Amino acid sequence: MMADALKRLGGLSGIVAGALLAIIAVADQALHVARIGTVPLVAALFNTLCVVSGIFALLALTVLYAHQSDKAGSFGVIGYVGAFTGWTLMTAYSYASAYAIPAFMREAPALRTAGSLSPLTEAMVATFCLFVVGNLLFAISSHRAAVFARRSTVLLMVGSVLLLVPLLWGAAVIWMCIQLIRSVAPPWTPCSSPLSTSSHPAGVRRVAGQWPRRRSR
């Protein structure tokens, strides 16, 4: 029962993460068009949304891997560790972008080095590379395990390569999480009638809603 509850929780977390990624993708385009993405408050809210989606994605990845771990093998472990590491680093970077980096920029303007990669830019590039590679490995391991529908794992692979379009990755995770929830037995099963035949003593049957009459001696 506890395993079923965790699967439901992980599935719901994946659905939430996918929905948030869709919102992030739309919000990113809207902020770019409106040219207000650099406003401190707007940037902080946007990156906070990325942090929340990352937390839900980490939980969903863990439960998805646990569901297919028997068939994923050692390559599945590598894919899960890679994806978990990538999402952890990306979530941490989003948190830093929301609360720490703006303060560093105000106190140390030299971080915005012109003409060369600043340490923050180098960290962002390395984080994004690990993020893409980790998610791609997880998608390939899921496709090889063949626990989830092939189309969903193929979509996850495409979404992992095109993570600049998070809508695809989010749609794949939502699809897989729906399959995960459906694979779990319902939390309740219909109870048999207390007046069913099996609950009566041997040799006594209930016919047409009435008990048999006793024979007179």
C-alpha atoms as a PDB file:
ATOM      1  CA  MET A   1       0.000   0.000   0.000  1.00  0.00           C
ATOM      2  CA  MET A   2       2.834   2.396   0.809  1.00  0.00           C
ATOM      3  CA  ALA A   3       4.451   1.706  -2.584  1.00  0.00           C
ATOM      4  CA  ASP A   4       1.149   2.405  -4.343  1.00  0.00           C
ATOM      5  CA  ALA A   5       0.765   5.665  -2.427  1.00  0.00           C
ATOM      6  CA  LEU A   6       4.287   6.733  -3.399  1.00  0.00           C
ATOM      7  CA  LYS A   7       3.585   5.937  -7.043  1.00  0.00           C
ATOM      8  CA  ARG A   8       0.462   8.068  -6.959  1.00  0.00           C
ATOM      9  CA  LEU A   9       2.382  10.873  -5.276  1.00  0.00           C
ATOM     10  CA  GLY A  10       5.187  10.656  -7.816  1.00  0.00           C
ATOM     11  CA  GLY A  11       2.733  10.559 -10.694  1.00  0.00           C
ATOM     12  CA  LEU A  12       0.908  13.630  -9.457  1.00  0.00           C
ATOM     13  CA  SER A  13       4.251  15.382  -8.917  1.00  0.00           C
ATOM     14  CA  GLY A  14       5.217  14.681 -12.517  1.00  0.00           C
ATOM     15  CA  ILE A  15       1.913  16.058 -13.779  1.00  0.00           C
ATOM     16  CA  VAL A  16       2.426  19.215 -11.720  1.00  0.00           C
ATOM     17  CA  ALA A  17       6.027  19.542 -12.941  1.00  0.00           C
ATOM     18  CA  GLY A  18       4.957  19.144 -16.566  1.00  0.00           C
ATOM     19  CA  ALA A  19       2.187  21.717 -16.162  1.00  0.00           C
ATOM     20  CA  LEU A  20       4.603  24.177 -14.547  1.00  0.00           C
ATOM     21  CA  LEU A  21       7.092  23.686 -17.383  1.00  0.00           C
ATOM     22  CA  ALA A  22       4.345  24.553 -19.850  1.00  0.00           C
ATOM     23  CA  ILE A  23       3.607  27.712 -17.865  1.00  0.00           C
ATOM     24  CA  ILE A  24       7.336  28.518 -17.753  1.00  0.00           C
ATOM     25  CA  ALA A  25       7.651  28.104 -21.521  1.00  0.00           C
ATOM     26  CA  VAL A  26       4.714  30.444 -22.175  1.00  0.00           C
ATOM     27  CA  ALA A  27       5.872  32.929 -19.523  1.00  0.00           C
ATOM     28  CA  ASP A  28       9.401  32.995 -20.945  1.00  0.00           C
ATOM     29  CA  GLN A  29       8.111  33.941 -24.385  1.00  0.00           C
ATOM     30  CA  ALA A  30       5.729  36.513 -22.927  1.00  0.00           C
ATOM     31  CA  LEU A  31       8.460  38.138 -20.853  1.00  0.00           C
ATOM     32  CA  HIS A  32      10.768  38.204 -23.861  1.00  0.00           C
ATOM     33  CA  VAL A  33       8.133  39.895 -26.004  1.00  0.00           C
ATOM     34  CA  ALA A  34       7.224  42.357 -23.246  1.00  0.00           C
ATOM     35  CA  ARG A  35      10.919  42.972 -22.509  1.00  0.00           C
ATOM     36  CA  ILE A  36      10.398  42.851 -18.761  1.00  0.00           C
ATOM     37  CA  GLY A  37      12.330  39.653 -18.057  1.00  0.00           C
ATOM     38  CA  THR A  38      15.208  41.616 -16.531  1.00  0.00           C
ATOM     39  CA  VAL A  39      13.021  43.426 -14.003  1.00  0.00           C
ATOM     40  CA  PRO A  40      14.261  42.134 -10.605  1.00  0.00           C
ATOM     41  CA  LEU A  41      10.857  41.224  -9.195  1.00  0.00           C
ATOM     42  CA  VAL A  42       9.692  39.554 -12.419  1.00  0.00           C
ATOM     43  CA  ALA A  43      12.955  37.626 -12.750  1.00  0.00           C
ATOM     44  CA  ALA A  44      12.731  36.479  -9.128  1.00  0.00           C
ATOM     45  CA  LEU A  45       9.156  35.214  -9.587  1.00  0.00           C
ATOM     46  CA  PHE A  46      10.067  33.454 -12.828  1.00  0.00           C
ATOM     47  CA  ASN A  47      13.092  31.694 -11.306  1.00  0.00           C
ATOM     48  CA  THR A  48      11.085  30.765  -8.207  1.00  0.00           C
ATOM     49  CA  LEU A  49       8.602  29.029 -10.500  1.00  0.00           C
ATOM     50  CA  CYS A  50      11.540  27.153 -12.044  1.00  0.00           C
ATOM     51  CA  VAL A  51      12.653  26.051  -8.575  1.00  0.00           C
ATOM     52  CA  VAL A  52       9.200  24.716  -7.697  1.00  0.00           C
ATOM     53  CA  SER A  53       8.949  22.809 -10.975  1.00  0.00           C
ATOM     54  CA  GLY A  54      12.410  21.359 -10.363  1.00  0.00           C
ATOM     55  CA  ILE A  55      11.425  20.038  -6.932  1.00  0.00           C
ATOM     56  CA  PHE A  56       8.361  18.287  -8.350  1.00  0.00           C
ATOM     57  CA  ALA A  57      10.418  16.946 -11.272  1.00  0.00           C
ATOM     58  CA  LEU A  58      12.989  15.410  -8.908  1.00  0.00           C
ATOM     59  CA  LEU A  59      10.280  13.532  -7.035  1.00  0.00           C
ATOM     60  CA  ALA A  60       8.678  12.364 -10.285  1.00  0.00           C
ATOM     61  CA  LEU A  61      12.006  11.159 -11.700  1.00  0.00           C
ATOM     62  CA  THR A  62      12.692   9.147  -8.565  1.00  0.00           C
ATOM     63  CA  VAL A  63       9.333   7.378  -8.640  1.00  0.00           C
ATOM     64  CA  LEU A  64       9.485   6.799 -12.411  1.00  0.00           C
ATOM     65  CA  TYR A  65      12.894   5.184 -12.026  1.00  0.00           C
ATOM     66  CA  ALA A  66      11.767   3.059  -9.088  1.00  0.00           C
ATOM     67  CA  HIS A  67       8.824   1.795 -11.148  1.00  0.00           C
ATOM     68  CA  GLN A  68      11.091   0.559 -13.945  1.00  0.00           C
ATOM     69  CA  SER A  69      14.274  -0.191 -11.990  1.00  0.00           C
ATOM     70  CA  ASP A  70      13.940  -3.982 -12.331  1.00  0.00           C
ATOM     71  CA  LYS A  71      14.046  -3.785 -16.130  1.00  0.00           C
ATOM     72  CA  ALA A  72      16.230  -0.702 -16.518  1.00  0.00           C
ATOM     73  CA  GLY A  73      19.353  -2.427 -15.208  1.00  0.00           C
ATOM     74  CA  SER A  74      22.675  -0.715 -14.578  1.00  0.00           C
ATOM     75  CA  PHE A  75      22.156   1.704 -17.455  1.00  0.00           C
ATOM     76  CA  GLY A  76      18.955   2.805 -15.756  1.00  0.00           C
ATOM     77  CA  VAL A  77      20.941   3.701 -12.640  1.00  0.00           C
ATOM     78  CA  ILE A  78      23.301   5.818 -14.740  1.00  0.00           C
ATOM     79  CA  GLY A  79      20.387   7.546 -16.445  1.00  0.00           C
ATOM     80  CA  TYR A  80      18.614   8.246 -13.171  1.00  0.00           C
ATOM     81  CA  VAL A  81      21.737   9.595 -11.459  1.00  0.00           C
ATOM     82  CA  GLY A  82      22.486  11.775 -14.477  1.00  0.00           C
ATOM     83  CA  ALA A  83      18.954  13.178 -14.675  1.00  0.00           C
ATOM     84  CA  PHE A  84      18.726  13.692 -10.915  1.00  0.00           C
ATOM     85  CA  THR A  85      22.090  15.488 -10.883  1.00  0.00           C
ATOM     86  CA  GLY A  86      21.118  17.679 -13.819  1.00  0.00           C
ATOM     87  CA  TRP A  87      17.779  18.676 -12.298  1.00  0.00           C
ATOM     88  CA  THR A  88      19.399  19.313  -8.914  1.00  0.00           C
ATOM     89  CA  LEU A  89      22.010  21.622 -10.418  1.00  0.00           C
ATOM     90  CA  MET A  90      19.454  23.409 -12.596  1.00  0.00           C
ATOM     91  CA  THR A  91      17.116  23.895  -9.641  1.00  0.00           C
ATOM     92  CA  ALA A  92      19.994  25.214  -7.546  1.00  0.00           C
ATOM     93  CA  TYR A  93      20.995  27.591 -10.319  1.00  0.00           C
ATOM     94  CA  SER A  94      17.417  28.854 -10.613  1.00  0.00           C
ATOM     95  CA  TYR A  95      17.369  29.468  -6.865  1.00  0.00           C
ATOM     96  CA  ALA A  96      20.662  31.347  -7.090  1.00  0.00           C
ATOM     97  CA  SER A  97      19.353  33.366 -10.041  1.00  0.00           C
ATOM     98  CA  ALA A  98      16.292  34.346  -8.034  1.00  0.00           C
ATOM     99  CA  TYR A  99      17.949  35.359  -4.772  1.00  0.00           C
ATOM    100  CA  ALA A 100      21.774  35.216  -4.767  1.00  0.00           C
ATOM    101  CA  ILE A 101      23.068  36.331  -8.169  1.00  0.00           C
ATOM    102  CA  PRO A 102      21.210  39.701  -8.194  1.00  0.00           C
ATOM    103  CA  ALA A 103      22.887  40.588  -4.909  1.00  0.00           C
ATOM    104  CA  PHE A 104      26.295  39.515  -6.271  1.00  0.00           C
ATOM    105  CA  MET A 105      25.751  41.667  -9.340  1.00  0.00           C
ATOM    106  CA  ARG A 106      25.076  44.712  -7.202  1.00  0.00           C
ATOM    107  CA  GLU A 107      28.073  44.131  -4.942  1.00  0.00           C
ATOM    108  CA  ALA A 108      30.524  42.886  -7.596  1.00  0.00           C
ATOM    109  CA  PRO A 109      29.792  44.358 -11.048  1.00  0.00           C
ATOM    110  CA  ALA A 110      33.043  42.806 -12.297  1.00  0.00           C
ATOM    111  CA  LEU A 111      31.184  39.514 -12.594  1.00  0.00           C
ATOM    112  CA  ARG A 112      29.684  40.939 -15.785  1.00  0.00           C
ATOM    113  CA  THR A 113      32.964  40.623 -17.630  1.00  0.00           C
ATOM    114  CA  ALA A 114      32.639  41.817 -21.200  1.00  0.00           C
ATOM    115  CA  GLY A 115      34.368  39.929 -23.997  1.00  0.00           C
ATOM    116  CA  SER A 116      34.953  36.704 -22.041  1.00  0.00           C
ATOM    117  CA  LEU A 117      33.011  34.093 -20.118  1.00  0.00           C
ATOM    118  CA  SER A 118      32.381  35.126 -16.539  1.00  0.00           C
ATOM    119  CA  PRO A 119      32.416  32.453 -13.804  1.00  0.00           C
ATOM    120  CA  LEU A 120      28.615  32.582 -13.635  1.00  0.00           C
ATOM    121  CA  THR A 121      28.321  32.035 -17.375  1.00  0.00           C
ATOM    122  CA  GLU A 122      30.735  29.111 -17.219  1.00  0.00           C
ATOM    123  CA  ALA A 123      28.713  27.572 -14.393  1.00  0.00           C
ATOM    124  CA  MET A 124      25.505  28.022 -16.365  1.00  0.00           C
ATOM    125  CA  VAL A 125      26.958  26.376 -19.483  1.00  0.00           C
ATOM    126  CA  ALA A 126      28.285  23.401 -17.489  1.00  0.00           C
ATOM    127  CA  THR A 127      24.986  23.015 -15.635  1.00  0.00           C
ATOM    128  CA  PHE A 128      22.949  23.081 -18.819  1.00  0.00           C
ATOM    129  CA  CYS A 129      25.200  20.496 -20.501  1.00  0.00           C
ATOM    130  CA  LEU A 130      24.856  18.113 -17.556  1.00  0.00           C
ATOM    131  CA  PHE A 131      21.134  18.803 -17.525  1.00  0.00           C
ATOM    132  CA  VAL A 132      20.692  17.818 -21.175  1.00  0.00           C
ATOM    133  CA  VAL A 133      22.974  14.769 -21.030  1.00  0.00           C
ATOM    134  CA  GLY A 134      21.416  13.475 -17.806  1.00  0.00           C
ATOM    135  CA  ASN A 135      17.856  13.772 -19.077  1.00  0.00           C
ATOM    136  CA  LEU A 136      18.793  12.167 -22.381  1.00  0.00           C
ATOM    137  CA  LEU A 137      20.388   9.194 -20.603  1.00  0.00           C
ATOM    138  CA  PHE A 138      17.286   8.778 -18.460  1.00  0.00           C
ATOM    139  CA  ALA A 139      15.062   8.908 -21.540  1.00  0.00           C
ATOM    140  CA  ILE A 140      17.167   6.283 -23.346  1.00  0.00           C
ATOM    141  CA  SER A 141      17.152   3.990 -20.310  1.00  0.00           C
ATOM    142  CA  SER A 142      13.376   4.350 -20.043  1.00  0.00           C
ATOM    143  CA  HIS A 143      12.995   3.502 -23.727  1.00  0.00           C
ATOM    144  CA  ARG A 144      15.178   0.410 -23.320  1.00  0.00           C
ATOM    145  CA  ALA A 145      13.291  -0.747 -20.241  1.00  0.00           C
ATOM    146  CA  ALA A 146      10.029  -0.702 -22.247  1.00  0.00           C
ATOM    147  CA  VAL A 147       7.896  -0.305 -19.130  1.00  0.00           C
ATOM    148  CA  PHE A 148       6.165   2.820 -20.410  1.00  0.00           C
ATOM    149  CA  ALA A 149       4.639   3.354 -23.839  1.00  0.00           C
ATOM    150  CA  ARG A 150       7.270   3.646 -26.558  1.00  0.00           C
ATOM    151  CA  ARG A 151       5.825   6.877 -27.893  1.00  0.00           C
ATOM    152  CA  SER A 152       6.085   8.551 -24.496  1.00  0.00           C
ATOM    153  CA  THR A 153       9.753   7.589 -24.072  1.00  0.00           C
ATOM    154  CA  VAL A 154      10.541   8.724 -27.640  1.00  0.00           C
ATOM    155  CA  LEU A 155       8.890  12.056 -26.862  1.00  0.00           C
ATOM    156  CA  LEU A 156      10.975  12.214 -23.676  1.00  0.00           C
ATOM    157  CA  MET A 157      14.160  11.702 -25.713  1.00  0.00           C
ATOM    158  CA  VAL A 158      13.185  14.446 -28.151  1.00  0.00           C
ATOM    159  CA  GLY A 159      12.250  16.722 -25.261  1.00  0.00           C
ATOM    160  CA  SER A 160      15.586  16.011 -23.558  1.00  0.00           C
ATOM    161  CA  VAL A 161      17.517  17.107 -26.641  1.00  0.00           C
ATOM    162  CA  LEU A 162      15.300  20.163 -27.137  1.00  0.00           C
ATOM    163  CA  LEU A 163      15.163  21.273 -23.521  1.00  0.00           C
ATOM    164  CA  LEU A 164      15.110  24.847 -24.745  1.00  0.00           C
ATOM    165  CA  VAL A 165      11.490  23.900 -25.534  1.00  0.00           C
ATOM    166  CA  PRO A 166      10.488  22.495 -22.103  1.00  0.00           C
ATOM    167  CA  LEU A 167       6.929  21.939 -23.276  1.00  0.00           C
ATOM    168  CA  LEU A 168       7.937  18.684 -25.008  1.00  0.00           C
ATOM    169  CA  TRP A 169       9.723  17.265 -21.967  1.00  0.00           C
ATOM    170  CA  GLY A 170       6.834  18.259 -19.738  1.00  0.00           C
ATOM    171  CA  ALA A 171       4.299  16.596 -22.043  1.00  0.00           C
ATOM    172  CA  ALA A 172       6.332  13.371 -22.058  1.00  0.00           C
ATOM    173  CA  VAL A 173       6.601  13.300 -18.272  1.00  0.00           C
ATOM    174  CA  ILE A 174       2.876  13.948 -17.872  1.00  0.00           C
ATOM    175  CA  TRP A 175       2.164  11.075 -20.273  1.00  0.00           C
ATOM    176  CA  MET A 176       4.463   8.696 -18.376  1.00  0.00           C
ATOM    177  CA  CYS A 177       3.068   9.731 -15.012  1.00  0.00           C
ATOM    178  CA  ILE A 178      -0.489   9.100 -16.163  1.00  0.00           C
ATOM    179  CA  GLN A 179       0.604   5.592 -17.141  1.00  0.00           C
ATOM    180  CA  LEU A 180       2.237   5.211 -13.719  1.00  0.00           C
ATOM    181  CA  ILE A 181      -0.934   6.198 -11.877  1.00  0.00           C
ATOM    182  CA  ARG A 182      -3.050   3.867 -14.005  1.00  0.00           C
ATOM    183  CA  SER A 183      -0.710   0.968 -13.247  1.00  0.00           C
ATOM    184  CA  VAL A 184      -1.490   1.233  -9.537  1.00  0.00           C
ATOM    185  CA  ALA A 185      -4.403  -0.745  -8.145  1.00  0.00           C
ATOM    186  CA  PRO A 186      -7.370   1.407  -7.062  1.00  0.00           C
ATOM    187  CA  PRO A 187      -7.195   2.472  -3.398  1.00  0.00           C
ATOM    188  CA  TRP A 188     -10.427   0.593  -2.650  1.00  0.00           C
ATOM    189  CA  THR A 189     -12.074  -2.574  -3.838  1.00  0.00           C
ATOM    190  CA  PRO A 190     -15.799  -3.272  -3.676  1.00  0.00           C
ATOM    191  CA  CYS A 191     -16.693  -5.294  -0.622  1.00  0.00           C
ATOM    192  CA  SER A 192     -18.694  -8.456  -0.946  1.00  0.00           C
ATOM    193  CA  SER A 193     -22.196  -8.367   0.465  1.00  0.00           C
ATOM    194  CA  PRO A 194     -22.370  -9.394   4.118  1.00  0.00           C
ATOM    195  CA  LEU A 195     -25.301 -11.609   3.144  1.00  0.00           C
ATOM    196  CA  SER A 196     -23.405 -13.432   0.420  1.00  0.00           C
ATOM    197  CA  THR A 197     -23.386 -17.184   0.291  1.00  0.00           C
ATOM    198  CA  SER A 198     -19.731 -17.472   1.323  1.00  0.00           C
ATOM    199  CA  SER A 199     -20.436 -15.811   4.673  1.00  0.00           C
ATOM    200  CA  HIS A 200     -23.087 -18.331   5.629  1.00  0.00           C
ATOM    201  CA  PRO A 201     -22.494 -21.677   7.346  1.00  0.00           C
ATOM    202  CA  ALA A 202     -21.964 -24.699   5.166  1.00  0.00           C
ATOM    203  CA  GLY A 203     -25.133 -26.278   3.912  1.00  0.00           C
ATOM    204  CA  VAL A 204     -27.219 -23.120   4.357  1.00  0.00           C
ATOM    205  CA  ARG A 205     -28.128 -21.116   1.270  1.00  0.00           C
ATOM    206  CA  ARG A 206     -30.026 -17.883   0.908  1.00  0.00           C
ATOM    207  CA  VAL A 207     -32.515 -18.131  -1.919  1.00  0.00           C
ATOM    208  CA  ALA A 208     -34.692 -15.322  -3.301  1.00  0.00           C
ATOM    209  CA  GLY A 209     -33.840 -13.028  -0.382  1.00  0.00           C
ATOM    210  CA  GLN A 210     -35.240 -15.408   2.288  1.00  0.00           C
ATOM    211  CA  TRP A 211     -33.715 -17.898   4.650  1.00  0.00           C
ATOM    212  CA  PRO A 212     -34.841 -21.528   4.272  1.00  0.00           C
ATOM    213  CA  ARG A 213     -37.439 -22.597   6.797  1.00  0.00           C
ATOM    214  CA  ARG A 214     -36.630 -25.169   9.386  1.00  0.00           C
ATOM    215  CA  ARG A 215     -38.093 -28.565   8.940  1.00  0.00           C
ATOM    216  CA  SER A 216     -40.531 -29.580  11.564  1.00  0.00           C
ATOM    217  CA  ARG A 217     -39.532 -32.600  13.585  1.00  0.00           C
END
